């Protein structure tokens, strides 16, 4: 996983572009990121193939960095967060 500093740097340089959605796996309820235009994703929790276009979208952000921060907060609310070291 990339650090916040690296994400921000890549985003500012234009390497990470476009809207990013936070979607929910219909099988296990896991939350994951999907870039705009992405057709499908594989759930990292249960391995299900998710159609990104029809999946339940919980939020969207202008860039992947912001989306990852929102995702982290949503995971905390759902009880999926890892304890901080």
PDB file of N, CA and C in Angstrom:
ATOM      1  N   UNK A   1       0.841  -1.173   0.000  1.00  0.00           N
ATOM      2  CA  UNK A   1       0.000   0.000   0.000  1.00  0.00           C
ATOM      3  C   UNK A   1       0.889   1.241   0.000  1.00  0.00           C
ATOM      4  N   UNK A   2       0.526   2.206  -0.807  1.00  0.00           N
ATOM      5  CA  UNK A   2       1.303   3.438  -0.906  1.00  0.00           C
ATOM      6  C   UNK A   2       0.979   4.371   0.250  1.00  0.00           C
ATOM      7  N   UNK A   3       1.983   5.114   0.689  1.00  0.00           N
ATOM      8  CA  UNK A   3       1.776   6.084   1.762  1.00  0.00           C
ATOM      9  C   UNK A   3       0.970   7.274   1.241  1.00  0.00           C
ATOM     10  N   UNK A   4       0.412   8.044   2.176  1.00  0.00           N
ATOM     11  CA  UNK A   4      -0.350   9.241   1.790  1.00  0.00           C
ATOM     12  C   UNK A   4       0.519  10.197   0.987  1.00  0.00           C
ATOM     13  N   UNK A   5       1.786  10.339   1.398  1.00  0.00           N
ATOM     14  CA  UNK A   5       2.694  11.253   0.715  1.00  0.00           C
ATOM     15  C   UNK A   5       2.907  10.832  -0.739  1.00  0.00           C
ATOM     16  N   UNK A   6       3.091   9.540  -0.966  1.00  0.00           N
ATOM     17  CA  UNK A   6       3.305   9.037  -2.331  1.00  0.00           C
ATOM     18  C   UNK A   6       2.043   9.215  -3.162  1.00  0.00           C
ATOM     19  N   UNK A   7       0.863   8.877  -2.591  1.00  0.00           N
ATOM     20  CA  UNK A   7      -0.396   9.065  -3.317  1.00  0.00           C
ATOM     21  C   UNK A   7      -0.562  10.513  -3.739  1.00  0.00           C
ATOM     22  N   UNK A   8      -0.333  11.417  -2.789  1.00  0.00           N
ATOM     23  CA  UNK A   8      -0.518  12.836  -3.077  1.00  0.00           C
ATOM     24  C   UNK A   8       0.440  13.297  -4.165  1.00  0.00           C
ATOM     25  N   UNK A   9       1.688  12.856  -4.088  1.00  0.00           N
ATOM     26  CA  UNK A   9       2.698  13.229  -5.078  1.00  0.00           C
ATOM     27  C   UNK A   9       2.307  12.731  -6.472  1.00  0.00           C
ATOM     28  N   UNK A  10       1.893  11.464  -6.557  1.00  0.00           N
ATOM     29  CA  UNK A  10       1.490  10.904  -7.853  1.00  0.00           C
ATOM     30  C   UNK A  10       0.255  11.609  -8.398  1.00  0.00           C
ATOM     31  N   UNK A  11      -0.675  11.908  -7.513  1.00  0.00           N
ATOM     32  CA  UNK A  11      -1.898  12.583  -7.928  1.00  0.00           C
ATOM     33  C   UNK A  11      -1.607  13.987  -8.450  1.00  0.00           C
ATOM     34  N   UNK A  12      -0.750  14.718  -7.747  1.00  0.00           N
ATOM     35  CA  UNK A  12      -0.397  16.078  -8.169  1.00  0.00           C
ATOM     36  C   UNK A  12       0.335  16.099  -9.504  1.00  0.00           C
ATOM     37  N   UNK A  13       1.104  15.047  -9.774  1.00  0.00           N
ATOM     38  CA  UNK A  13       1.847  14.964 -11.033  1.00  0.00           C
ATOM     39  C   UNK A  13       0.979  14.453 -12.180  1.00  0.00           C
ATOM     40  N   UNK A  14      -0.265  14.079 -11.872  1.00  0.00           N
ATOM     41  CA  UNK A  14      -1.176  13.635 -12.914  1.00  0.00           C
ATOM     42  C   UNK A  14      -1.107  12.156 -13.227  1.00  0.00           C
ATOM     43  N   UNK A  15      -0.397  11.372 -12.415  1.00  0.00           N
ATOM     44  CA  UNK A  15      -0.308   9.939 -12.674  1.00  0.00           C
ATOM     45  C   UNK A  15      -1.563   9.201 -12.220  1.00  0.00           C
ATOM     46  N   UNK A  16      -2.215   9.749 -11.219  1.00  0.00           N
ATOM     47  CA  UNK A  16      -3.455   9.150 -10.726  1.00  0.00           C
ATOM     48  C   UNK A  16      -4.548  10.154 -11.047  1.00  0.00           C
ATOM     49  N   UNK A  17      -5.389   9.814 -12.023  1.00  0.00           N
ATOM     50  CA  UNK A  17      -6.373  10.771 -12.491  1.00  0.00           C
ATOM     51  C   UNK A  17      -7.749  10.141 -12.540  1.00  0.00           C
ATOM     52  N   UNK A  18      -8.736  10.970 -12.621  1.00  0.00           N
ATOM     53  CA  UNK A  18     -10.087  10.506 -12.816  1.00  0.00           C
ATOM     54  C   UNK A  18     -10.802  10.205 -11.517  1.00  0.00           C
ATOM     55  N   UNK A  19     -12.088  10.112 -11.632  1.00  0.00           N
ATOM     56  CA  UNK A  19     -12.921   9.849 -10.475  1.00  0.00           C
ATOM     57  C   UNK A  19     -12.757   8.398 -10.024  1.00  0.00           C
ATOM     58  N   UNK A  20     -12.786   8.212  -8.721  1.00  0.00           N
ATOM     59  CA  UNK A  20     -12.670   6.884  -8.135  1.00  0.00           C
ATOM     60  C   UNK A  20     -13.889   6.644  -7.262  1.00  0.00           C
ATOM     61  N   UNK A  21     -14.499   5.463  -7.417  1.00  0.00           N
ATOM     62  CA  UNK A  21     -15.700   5.113  -6.669  1.00  0.00           C
ATOM     63  C   UNK A  21     -15.356   4.125  -5.563  1.00  0.00           C
ATOM     64  N   UNK A  22     -16.112   4.190  -4.495  1.00  0.00           N
ATOM     65  CA  UNK A  22     -16.027   3.191  -3.444  1.00  0.00           C
ATOM     66  C   UNK A  22     -17.255   2.323  -3.618  1.00  0.00           C
ATOM     67  N   UNK A  23     -17.014   1.037  -3.891  1.00  0.00           N
ATOM     68  CA  UNK A  23     -18.112   0.115  -4.151  1.00  0.00           C
ATOM     69  C   UNK A  23     -18.148  -0.980  -3.087  1.00  0.00           C
ATOM     70  N   UNK A  24     -19.292  -1.650  -3.023  1.00  0.00           N
ATOM     71  CA  UNK A  24     -19.495  -2.701  -2.034  1.00  0.00           C
ATOM     72  C   UNK A  24     -19.662  -4.044  -2.738  1.00  0.00           C
ATOM     73  N   UNK A  25     -18.998  -5.065  -2.221  1.00  0.00           N
ATOM     74  CA  UNK A  25     -19.131  -6.415  -2.761  1.00  0.00           C
ATOM     75  C   UNK A  25     -20.524  -6.933  -2.405  1.00  0.00           C
ATOM     76  N   UNK A  26     -21.247  -7.448  -3.395  1.00  0.00           N
ATOM     77  CA  UNK A  26     -22.602  -7.943  -3.152  1.00  0.00           C
ATOM     78  C   UNK A  26     -22.600  -9.288  -2.425  1.00  0.00           C
ATOM     79  N   UNK A  27     -21.461  -9.980  -2.437  1.00  0.00           N
ATOM     80  CA  UNK A  27     -21.391 -11.280  -1.760  1.00  0.00           C
ATOM     81  C   UNK A  27     -21.067 -11.125  -0.272  1.00  0.00           C
ATOM     82  N   UNK A  28     -19.995 -10.378   0.056  1.00  0.00           N
ATOM     83  CA  UNK A  28     -19.539 -10.324   1.455  1.00  0.00           C
ATOM     84  C   UNK A  28     -19.693  -8.957   2.114  1.00  0.00           C
ATOM     85  N   UNK A  29     -20.004  -7.920   1.327  1.00  0.00           N
ATOM     86  CA  UNK A  29     -20.153  -6.585   1.892  1.00  0.00           C
ATOM     87  C   UNK A  29     -18.847  -5.818   2.032  1.00  0.00           C
ATOM     88  N   UNK A  30     -17.758  -6.403   1.540  1.00  0.00           N
ATOM     89  CA  UNK A  30     -16.461  -5.728   1.592  1.00  0.00           C
ATOM     90  C   UNK A  30     -16.459  -4.457   0.762  1.00  0.00           C
ATOM     91  N   UNK A  31     -15.641  -3.504   1.155  1.00  0.00           N
ATOM     92  CA  UNK A  31     -15.555  -2.216   0.463  1.00  0.00           C
ATOM     93  C   UNK A  31     -14.252  -2.137  -0.307  1.00  0.00           C
ATOM     94  N   UNK A  32     -14.311  -1.613  -1.518  1.00  0.00           N
ATOM     95  CA  UNK A  32     -13.117  -1.487  -2.341  1.00  0.00           C
ATOM     96  C   UNK A  32     -13.236  -0.324  -3.307  1.00  0.00           C
ATOM     97  N   UNK A  33     -12.097   0.065  -3.875  1.00  0.00           N
ATOM     98  CA  UNK A  33     -12.037   1.170  -4.825  1.00  0.00           C
ATOM     99  C   UNK A  33     -12.178   0.664  -6.254  1.00  0.00           C
ATOM    100  N   UNK A  34     -12.808   1.462  -7.088  1.00  0.00           N
ATOM    101  CA  UNK A  34     -12.916   1.162  -8.516  1.00  0.00           C
ATOM    102  C   UNK A  34     -12.758   2.465  -9.291  1.00  0.00           C
ATOM    103  N   UNK A  35     -11.788   2.511 -10.166  1.00  0.00           N
ATOM    104  CA  UNK A  35     -11.557   3.703 -10.982  1.00  0.00           C
ATOM    105  C   UNK A  35     -12.682   3.863 -12.003  1.00  0.00           C
ATOM    106  N   UNK A  36     -12.968   5.108 -12.332  1.00  0.00           N
ATOM    107  CA  UNK A  36     -13.972   5.412 -13.355  1.00  0.00           C
ATOM    108  C   UNK A  36     -13.623   4.669 -14.636  1.00  0.00           C
ATOM    109  N   UNK A  37     -14.608   4.032 -15.234  1.00  0.00           N
ATOM    110  CA  UNK A  37     -14.386   3.307 -16.479  1.00  0.00           C
ATOM    111  C   UNK A  37     -13.961   1.857 -16.297  1.00  0.00           C
ATOM    112  N   UNK A  38     -13.649   1.464 -15.087  1.00  0.00           N
ATOM    113  CA  UNK A  38     -13.254   0.079 -14.812  1.00  0.00           C
ATOM    114  C   UNK A  38     -14.491  -0.806 -14.921  1.00  0.00           C
ATOM    115  N   UNK A  39     -14.384  -1.897 -15.676  1.00  0.00           N
ATOM    116  CA  UNK A  39     -15.539  -2.772 -15.899  1.00  0.00           C
ATOM    117  C   UNK A  39     -15.815  -3.687 -14.719  1.00  0.00           C
ATOM    118  N   UNK A  40     -14.762  -4.267 -14.162  1.00  0.00           N
ATOM    119  CA  UNK A  40     -14.973  -5.180 -13.046  1.00  0.00           C
ATOM    120  C   UNK A  40     -13.790  -5.151 -12.092  1.00  0.00           C
ATOM    121  N   UNK A  41     -14.026  -5.652 -10.898  1.00  0.00           N
ATOM    122  CA  UNK A  41     -12.999  -5.767  -9.859  1.00  0.00           C
ATOM    123  C   UNK A  41     -13.178  -7.118  -9.193  1.00  0.00           C
ATOM    124  N   UNK A  42     -12.120  -7.609  -8.584  1.00  0.00           N
ATOM    125  CA  UNK A  42     -12.196  -8.820  -7.781  1.00  0.00           C
ATOM    126  C   UNK A  42     -12.154  -8.404  -6.320  1.00  0.00           C
ATOM    127  N   UNK A  43     -13.100  -8.891  -5.538  1.00  0.00           N
ATOM    128  CA  UNK A  43     -13.152  -8.552  -4.127  1.00  0.00           C
ATOM    129  C   UNK A  43     -11.927  -9.132  -3.426  1.00  0.00           C
ATOM    130  N   UNK A  44     -11.170  -8.302  -2.704  1.00  0.00           N
ATOM    131  CA  UNK A  44      -9.980  -8.802  -2.018  1.00  0.00           C
ATOM    132  C   UNK A  44     -10.308  -9.646  -0.789  1.00  0.00           C
ATOM    133  N   UNK A  45     -11.565  -9.650  -0.370  1.00  0.00           N
ATOM    134  CA  UNK A  45     -11.958 -10.378   0.828  1.00  0.00           C
ATOM    135  C   UNK A  45     -12.510 -11.768   0.524  1.00  0.00           C
ATOM    136  N   UNK A  46     -13.368 -11.870  -0.498  1.00  0.00           N
ATOM    137  CA  UNK A  46     -13.995 -13.173  -0.781  1.00  0.00           C
ATOM    138  C   UNK A  46     -13.683 -13.714  -2.170  1.00  0.00           C
ATOM    139  N   UNK A  47     -13.041 -12.906  -3.017  1.00  0.00           N
ATOM    140  CA  UNK A  47     -12.664 -13.363  -4.353  1.00  0.00           C
ATOM    141  C   UNK A  47     -13.758 -13.256  -5.406  1.00  0.00           C
ATOM    142  N   UNK A  48     -14.919 -12.720  -5.034  1.00  0.00           N
ATOM    143  CA  UNK A  48     -16.025 -12.587  -5.986  1.00  0.00           C
ATOM    144  C   UNK A  48     -15.668 -11.570  -7.071  1.00  0.00           C
ATOM    145  N   UNK A  49     -16.162 -11.823  -8.260  1.00  0.00           N
ATOM    146  CA  UNK A  49     -15.995 -10.889  -9.373  1.00  0.00           C
ATOM    147  C   UNK A  49     -17.133  -9.881  -9.281  1.00  0.00           C
ATOM    148  N   UNK A  50     -16.806  -8.591  -9.272  1.00  0.00           N
ATOM    149  CA  UNK A  50     -17.807  -7.543  -9.089  1.00  0.00           C
ATOM    150  C   UNK A  50     -17.893  -6.708 -10.356  1.00  0.00           C
ATOM    151  N   UNK A  51     -19.104  -6.557 -10.877  1.00  0.00           N
ATOM    152  CA  UNK A  51     -19.338  -5.677 -12.021  1.00  0.00           C
ATOM    153  C   UNK A  51     -19.339  -4.256 -11.485  1.00  0.00           C
ATOM    154  N   UNK A  52     -18.296  -3.507 -11.767  1.00  0.00           N
ATOM    155  CA  UNK A  52     -18.122  -2.165 -11.198  1.00  0.00           C
ATOM    156  C   UNK A  52     -19.210  -1.193 -11.645  1.00  0.00           C
ATOM    157  N   UNK A  53     -19.789  -1.422 -12.802  1.00  0.00           N
ATOM    158  CA  UNK A  53     -20.816  -0.510 -13.310  1.00  0.00           C
ATOM    159  C   UNK A  53     -22.148  -0.674 -12.580  1.00  0.00           C
ATOM    160  N   UNK A  54     -22.458  -1.895 -12.113  1.00  0.00           N
ATOM    161  CA  UNK A  54     -23.740  -2.131 -11.452  1.00  0.00           C
ATOM    162  C   UNK A  54     -23.613  -2.287  -9.940  1.00  0.00           C
ATOM    163  N   UNK A  55     -22.393  -2.303  -9.422  1.00  0.00           N
ATOM    164  CA  UNK A  55     -22.181  -2.459  -7.977  1.00  0.00           C
ATOM    165  C   UNK A  55     -22.736  -1.260  -7.218  1.00  0.00           C
ATOM    166  N   UNK A  56     -23.080  -1.490  -5.981  1.00  0.00           N
ATOM    167  CA  UNK A  56     -23.566  -0.402  -5.123  1.00  0.00           C
ATOM    168  C   UNK A  56     -22.412   0.562  -4.841  1.00  0.00           C
ATOM    169  N   UNK A  57     -22.580   1.806  -5.251  1.00  0.00           N
ATOM    170  CA  UNK A  57     -21.568   2.845  -5.026  1.00  0.00           C
ATOM    171  C   UNK A  57     -21.906   3.585  -3.744  1.00  0.00           C
ATOM    172  N   UNK A  58     -20.971   3.567  -2.794  1.00  0.00           N
ATOM    173  CA  UNK A  58     -21.197   4.228  -1.520  1.00  0.00           C
ATOM    174  C   UNK A  58     -20.722   5.672  -1.533  1.00  0.00           C
ATOM    175  N   UNK A  59     -19.697   5.948  -2.333  1.00  0.00           N
ATOM    176  CA  UNK A  59     -19.146   7.303  -2.415  1.00  0.00           C
ATOM    177  C   UNK A  59     -18.273   7.404  -3.655  1.00  0.00           C
ATOM    178  N   UNK A  60     -17.943   8.628  -4.021  1.00  0.00           N
ATOM    179  CA  UNK A  60     -17.031   8.892  -5.128  1.00  0.00           C
ATOM    180  C   UNK A  60     -16.123  10.044  -4.733  1.00  0.00           C
ATOM    181  N   UNK A  61     -14.954  10.071  -5.338  1.00  0.00           N
ATOM    182  CA  UNK A  61     -14.008  11.151  -5.084  1.00  0.00           C
ATOM    183  C   UNK A  61     -13.323  11.516  -6.389  1.00  0.00           C
ATOM    184  N   UNK A  62     -12.790  12.713  -6.453  1.00  0.00           N
ATOM    185  CA  UNK A  62     -12.135  13.208  -7.663  1.00  0.00           C
ATOM    186  C   UNK A  62     -10.808  12.521  -7.956  1.00  0.00           C
ATOM    187  N   UNK A  63     -10.178  11.944  -6.927  1.00  0.00           N
ATOM    188  CA  UNK A  63      -8.907  11.263  -7.151  1.00  0.00           C
ATOM    189  C   UNK A  63      -8.786  10.067  -6.213  1.00  0.00           C
ATOM    190  N   UNK A  64      -7.858   9.194  -6.506  1.00  0.00           N
ATOM    191  CA  UNK A  64      -7.679   7.960  -5.747  1.00  0.00           C
ATOM    192  C   UNK A  64      -7.213   8.236  -4.318  1.00  0.00           C
ATOM    193  N   UNK A  65      -6.413   9.266  -4.127  1.00  0.00           N
ATOM    194  CA  UNK A  65      -5.932   9.605  -2.791  1.00  0.00           C
ATOM    195  C   UNK A  65      -7.102   9.937  -1.872  1.00  0.00           C
ATOM    196  N   UNK A  66      -7.974  10.826  -2.327  1.00  0.00           N
ATOM    197  CA  UNK A  66      -9.134  11.217  -1.531  1.00  0.00           C
ATOM    198  C   UNK A  66     -10.064  10.030  -1.315  1.00  0.00           C
ATOM    199  N   UNK A  67     -10.259   9.226  -2.360  1.00  0.00           N
ATOM    200  CA  UNK A  67     -11.118   8.045  -2.246  1.00  0.00           C
ATOM    201  C   UNK A  67     -10.578   7.066  -1.209  1.00  0.00           C
ATOM    202  N   UNK A  68      -9.253   6.911  -1.154  1.00  0.00           N
ATOM    203  CA  UNK A  68      -8.676   5.977  -0.183  1.00  0.00           C
ATOM    204  C   UNK A  68      -8.893   6.481   1.243  1.00  0.00           C
ATOM    205  N   UNK A  69      -8.872   7.792   1.443  1.00  0.00           N
ATOM    206  CA  UNK A  69      -9.152   8.348   2.773  1.00  0.00           C
ATOM    207  C   UNK A  69     -10.614   8.120   3.156  1.00  0.00           C
ATOM    208  N   UNK A  70     -11.522   8.334   2.206  1.00  0.00           N
ATOM    209  CA  UNK A  70     -12.944   8.107   2.451  1.00  0.00           C
ATOM    210  C   UNK A  70     -13.184   6.625   2.730  1.00  0.00           C
ATOM    211  N   UNK A  71     -12.543   5.758   1.948  1.00  0.00           N
ATOM    212  CA  UNK A  71     -12.675   4.313   2.140  1.00  0.00           C
ATOM    213  C   UNK A  71     -12.242   3.915   3.550  1.00  0.00           C
ATOM    214  N   UNK A  72     -11.124   4.456   4.006  1.00  0.00           N
ATOM    215  CA  UNK A  72     -10.627   4.163   5.347  1.00  0.00           C
ATOM    216  C   UNK A  72     -11.677   4.530   6.407  1.00  0.00           C
ATOM    217  N   UNK A  73     -12.312   5.695   6.245  1.00  0.00           N
ATOM    218  CA  UNK A  73     -13.339   6.122   7.193  1.00  0.00           C
ATOM    219  C   UNK A  73     -14.569   5.214   7.141  1.00  0.00           C
ATOM    220  N   UNK A  74     -14.993   4.837   5.934  1.00  0.00           N
ATOM    221  CA  UNK A  74     -16.148   3.948   5.806  1.00  0.00           C
ATOM    222  C   UNK A  74     -15.863   2.581   6.424  1.00  0.00           C
ATOM    223  N   UNK A  75     -14.641   2.088   6.252  1.00  0.00           N
ATOM    224  CA  UNK A  75     -14.273   0.805   6.851  1.00  0.00           C
ATOM    225  C   UNK A  75     -14.308   0.891   8.377  1.00  0.00           C
ATOM    226  N   UNK A  76     -13.870   2.014   8.926  1.00  0.00           N
ATOM    227  CA  UNK A  76     -13.929   2.204  10.382  1.00  0.00           C
ATOM    228  C   UNK A  76     -15.375   2.132  10.857  1.00  0.00           C
ATOM    229  N   UNK A  77     -16.273   2.808  10.124  1.00  0.00           N
ATOM    230  CA  UNK A  77     -17.685   2.826  10.498  1.00  0.00           C
ATOM    231  C   UNK A  77     -18.306   1.435  10.437  1.00  0.00           C
ATOM    232  N   UNK A  78     -17.847   0.628   9.471  1.00  0.00           N
ATOM    233  CA  UNK A  78     -18.378  -0.723   9.306  1.00  0.00           C
ATOM    234  C   UNK A  78     -17.671  -1.743  10.195  1.00  0.00           C
ATOM    235  N   UNK A  79     -16.585  -1.313  10.842  1.00  0.00           N
ATOM    236  CA  UNK A  79     -15.853  -2.218  11.713  1.00  0.00           C
ATOM    237  C   UNK A  79     -14.801  -3.056  11.005  1.00  0.00           C
ATOM    238  N   UNK A  80     -14.360  -2.612   9.810  1.00  0.00           N
ATOM    239  CA  UNK A  80     -13.360  -3.348   9.044  1.00  0.00           C
ATOM    240  C   UNK A  80     -11.943  -2.827   9.237  1.00  0.00           C
ATOM    241  N   UNK A  81     -11.762  -1.816  10.071  1.00  0.00           N
ATOM    242  CA  UNK A  81     -10.435  -1.199  10.169  1.00  0.00           C
ATOM    243  C   UNK A  81      -9.472  -2.049  10.976  1.00  0.00           C
ATOM    244  N   UNK A  82      -8.190  -1.935  10.617  1.00  0.00           N
ATOM    245  CA  UNK A  82      -7.131  -2.603  11.373  1.00  0.00           C
ATOM    246  C   UNK A  82      -6.683  -1.689  12.496  1.00  0.00           C
ATOM    247  N   UNK A  83      -6.288  -2.252  13.627  1.00  0.00           N
ATOM    248  CA  UNK A  83      -5.773  -1.407  14.697  1.00  0.00           C
ATOM    249  C   UNK A  83      -4.484  -0.722  14.282  1.00  0.00           C
ATOM    250  N   UNK A  84      -4.314   0.525  14.694  1.00  0.00           N
ATOM    251  CA  UNK A  84      -3.098   1.276  14.375  1.00  0.00           C
ATOM    252  C   UNK A  84      -1.956   0.809  15.273  1.00  0.00           C
ATOM    253  N   UNK A  85      -0.739   0.665  14.719  1.00  0.00           N
ATOM    254  CA  UNK A  85       0.398   0.212  15.534  1.00  0.00           C
ATOM    255  C   UNK A  85       0.816   1.233  16.567  1.00  0.00           C
TER     256      UNK A  85
END
